Amino acid sequence: MPPRRPSGPRTAVLTLLSVAAAGLLLTTSAVAQPKPTQLFVFVYRQGPAWDPKLPMGKQAAMARHGAYMKRLFDEGRSFAAGPISDAPGGIVILRAASREEAAGLMARDPSITSGMFVGEVLPWSPVFRSDKPLP
């Protein structure tokens, strides 16, 4: 006679939990994992379409540039951005999976496509950081 397998409510619950755990493992391994992110700095400077007679806020592509920067911020890509105080231009610190992705984000910026700004993408690896908010 073959050996009896344990049965009863406890065995049924353990079997159900085992099946559920296996299903959860299969489900989570099929879900796309987030891409690793790196930090990059965008440095913007006056481009060929910059109008020297106008302040930065009145430049032709500034409203579209501002909307694009807000979108990157709302998507969680950028976490600090703003103008340079003593020269027309600005800096953005953002997250991207690669330098190519970061360069693509900059290339789609209306301030770049319009020629108002030219830009440079630099990888950034901060050594010191603070949890305090930026001023």
Protein backbone atom coordinates (compact mmCIF):
# COMPACT_ATOMS: atom_id res chain seq x y z
CA MET A 1 0.00 0.00 0.00
CA PRO A 2 1.44 3.46 -0.96
CA PRO A 3 2.19 5.92 1.86
CA ARG A 4 -0.63 8.34 2.69
CA ARG A 5 -0.18 11.98 1.96
CA PRO A 6 -1.21 14.41 4.67
CA SER A 7 -4.57 16.03 4.03
CA GLY A 8 -6.88 18.42 5.72
CA PRO A 9 -7.35 22.18 5.98
CA ARG A 10 -3.75 22.91 6.95
CA THR A 11 -2.39 21.02 3.94
CA ALA A 12 -4.86 22.75 1.63
CA VAL A 13 -3.82 26.20 2.92
CA LEU A 14 -0.12 25.41 2.55
CA THR A 15 -0.68 24.15 -0.99
CA LEU A 16 -2.67 27.27 -1.89
CA LEU A 17 0.06 29.55 -0.46
CA SER A 18 2.74 27.68 -2.40
CA VAL A 19 0.82 28.04 -5.67
CA ALA A 20 0.17 31.74 -4.99
CA ALA A 21 3.85 32.39 -4.21
CA ALA A 22 4.94 30.64 -7.40
CA GLY A 23 2.44 32.71 -9.40
CA LEU A 24 3.71 35.91 -7.80
CA LEU A 25 7.30 35.05 -8.69
CA LEU A 26 6.33 34.38 -12.29
CA THR A 27 4.31 37.61 -12.49
CA THR A 28 7.02 39.85 -11.02
CA SER A 29 9.72 38.40 -13.23
CA ALA A 30 7.60 39.19 -16.31
CA VAL A 31 7.06 42.83 -15.26
CA ALA A 32 9.52 45.25 -16.80
CA GLN A 33 12.11 46.30 -14.28
CA PRO A 34 12.97 50.02 -14.13
CA LYS A 35 15.99 51.09 -16.12
CA PRO A 36 19.03 51.99 -14.07
CA THR A 37 19.43 55.74 -13.99
CA GLN A 38 22.42 58.00 -14.08
CA LEU A 39 22.65 61.72 -13.45
CA PHE A 40 23.42 64.23 -16.17
CA VAL A 41 23.80 67.98 -16.33
CA PHE A 42 22.52 70.01 -19.25
CA VAL A 43 24.37 73.27 -19.77
CA TYR A 44 22.54 75.76 -21.99
CA ARG A 45 24.19 78.78 -23.64
CA GLN A 46 23.08 81.39 -26.16
CA GLY A 47 22.49 79.90 -29.59
CA PRO A 48 22.43 81.42 -33.08
CA ALA A 49 18.74 82.38 -32.80
CA TRP A 50 19.25 84.30 -29.54
CA ASP A 51 17.96 87.88 -29.85
CA PRO A 52 20.40 90.11 -27.93
CA LYS A 53 17.78 92.90 -27.79
CA LEU A 54 15.45 90.76 -25.65
CA PRO A 55 15.84 89.54 -22.07
CA MET A 56 15.88 85.77 -21.61
CA GLY A 57 12.24 85.62 -20.49
CA LYS A 58 11.11 87.28 -23.73
CA GLN A 59 13.06 85.07 -26.15
CA ALA A 60 10.87 83.46 -28.83
CA ALA A 61 11.19 79.82 -27.65
CA MET A 62 11.25 80.48 -23.90
CA ALA A 63 7.59 79.57 -23.21
CA ARG A 64 7.92 76.25 -25.09
CA HIS A 65 11.25 75.58 -23.35
CA GLY A 66 9.61 76.24 -19.96
CA ALA A 67 6.74 73.86 -20.76
CA TYR A 68 9.24 71.17 -21.82
CA MET A 69 11.26 71.63 -18.60
CA LYS A 70 8.06 71.37 -16.54
CA ARG A 71 7.15 68.14 -18.33
CA LEU A 72 10.58 66.63 -17.55
CA PHE A 73 10.12 67.67 -13.92
CA ASP A 74 6.58 66.23 -13.74
CA GLU A 75 7.86 62.94 -15.20
CA GLY A 76 10.47 62.76 -12.43
CA ARG A 77 13.36 63.09 -14.86
CA SER A 78 14.70 66.45 -13.69
CA PHE A 79 14.97 67.60 -10.13
CA ALA A 80 16.75 70.95 -10.43
CA ALA A 81 16.71 73.44 -13.28
CA GLY A 82 17.09 77.16 -13.74
CA PRO A 83 18.86 80.06 -15.35
CA ILE A 84 22.49 80.98 -14.86
CA SER A 85 22.53 84.24 -12.90
CA ASP A 86 25.22 86.18 -14.74
CA ALA A 87 24.85 85.04 -18.35
CA PRO A 88 22.01 83.96 -20.65
CA GLY A 89 21.64 80.22 -20.31
CA GLY A 90 20.78 77.62 -17.74
CA ILE A 91 21.53 74.31 -16.08
CA VAL A 92 19.37 71.22 -15.61
CA ILE A 93 20.19 68.16 -13.48
CA LEU A 94 18.28 65.12 -14.62
CA ARG A 95 18.08 61.34 -14.60
CA ALA A 96 18.42 59.17 -17.70
CA ALA A 97 19.36 55.57 -18.45
CA SER A 98 22.28 56.60 -20.66
CA ARG A 99 24.11 59.56 -22.13
CA GLU A 100 22.37 58.84 -25.43
CA GLU A 101 18.95 59.06 -23.78
CA ALA A 102 19.95 62.31 -22.03
CA ALA A 103 21.23 63.76 -25.32
CA GLY A 104 17.93 62.83 -26.97
CA LEU A 105 16.01 64.63 -24.25
CA MET A 106 18.09 67.75 -24.78
CA ALA A 107 17.80 67.50 -28.57
CA ARG A 108 13.98 67.57 -28.30
CA ASP A 109 13.98 70.72 -26.17
CA PRO A 110 12.30 73.54 -28.17
CA SER A 111 15.03 75.95 -27.06
CA ILE A 112 17.58 73.70 -28.78
CA THR A 113 15.51 72.91 -31.89
CA SER A 114 14.81 76.62 -32.37
CA GLY A 115 18.47 77.60 -32.00
CA MET A 116 17.72 79.89 -29.05
CA PHE A 117 20.15 77.82 -26.99
CA VAL A 118 22.94 75.40 -27.76
CA GLY A 119 23.66 72.80 -25.15
CA GLU A 120 26.03 70.29 -23.73
CA VAL A 121 25.21 67.05 -21.89
CA LEU A 122 27.63 66.06 -19.14
CA PRO A 123 27.52 62.92 -16.98
CA TRP A 124 27.52 63.82 -13.29
CA SER A 125 28.50 61.74 -10.27
CA PRO A 126 27.99 63.74 -7.09
CA VAL A 127 30.33 62.88 -4.25
CA PHE A 128 28.62 65.02 -1.62
CA ARG A 129 24.90 65.53 -1.25
CA SER A 130 22.40 66.84 1.23
CA ASP A 131 18.83 65.91 2.00
CA LYS A 132 18.08 69.58 2.56
CA PRO A 133 16.00 71.27 -0.15
CA LEU A 134 17.74 73.54 -2.61
CA PRO A 135 17.42 77.26 -1.80
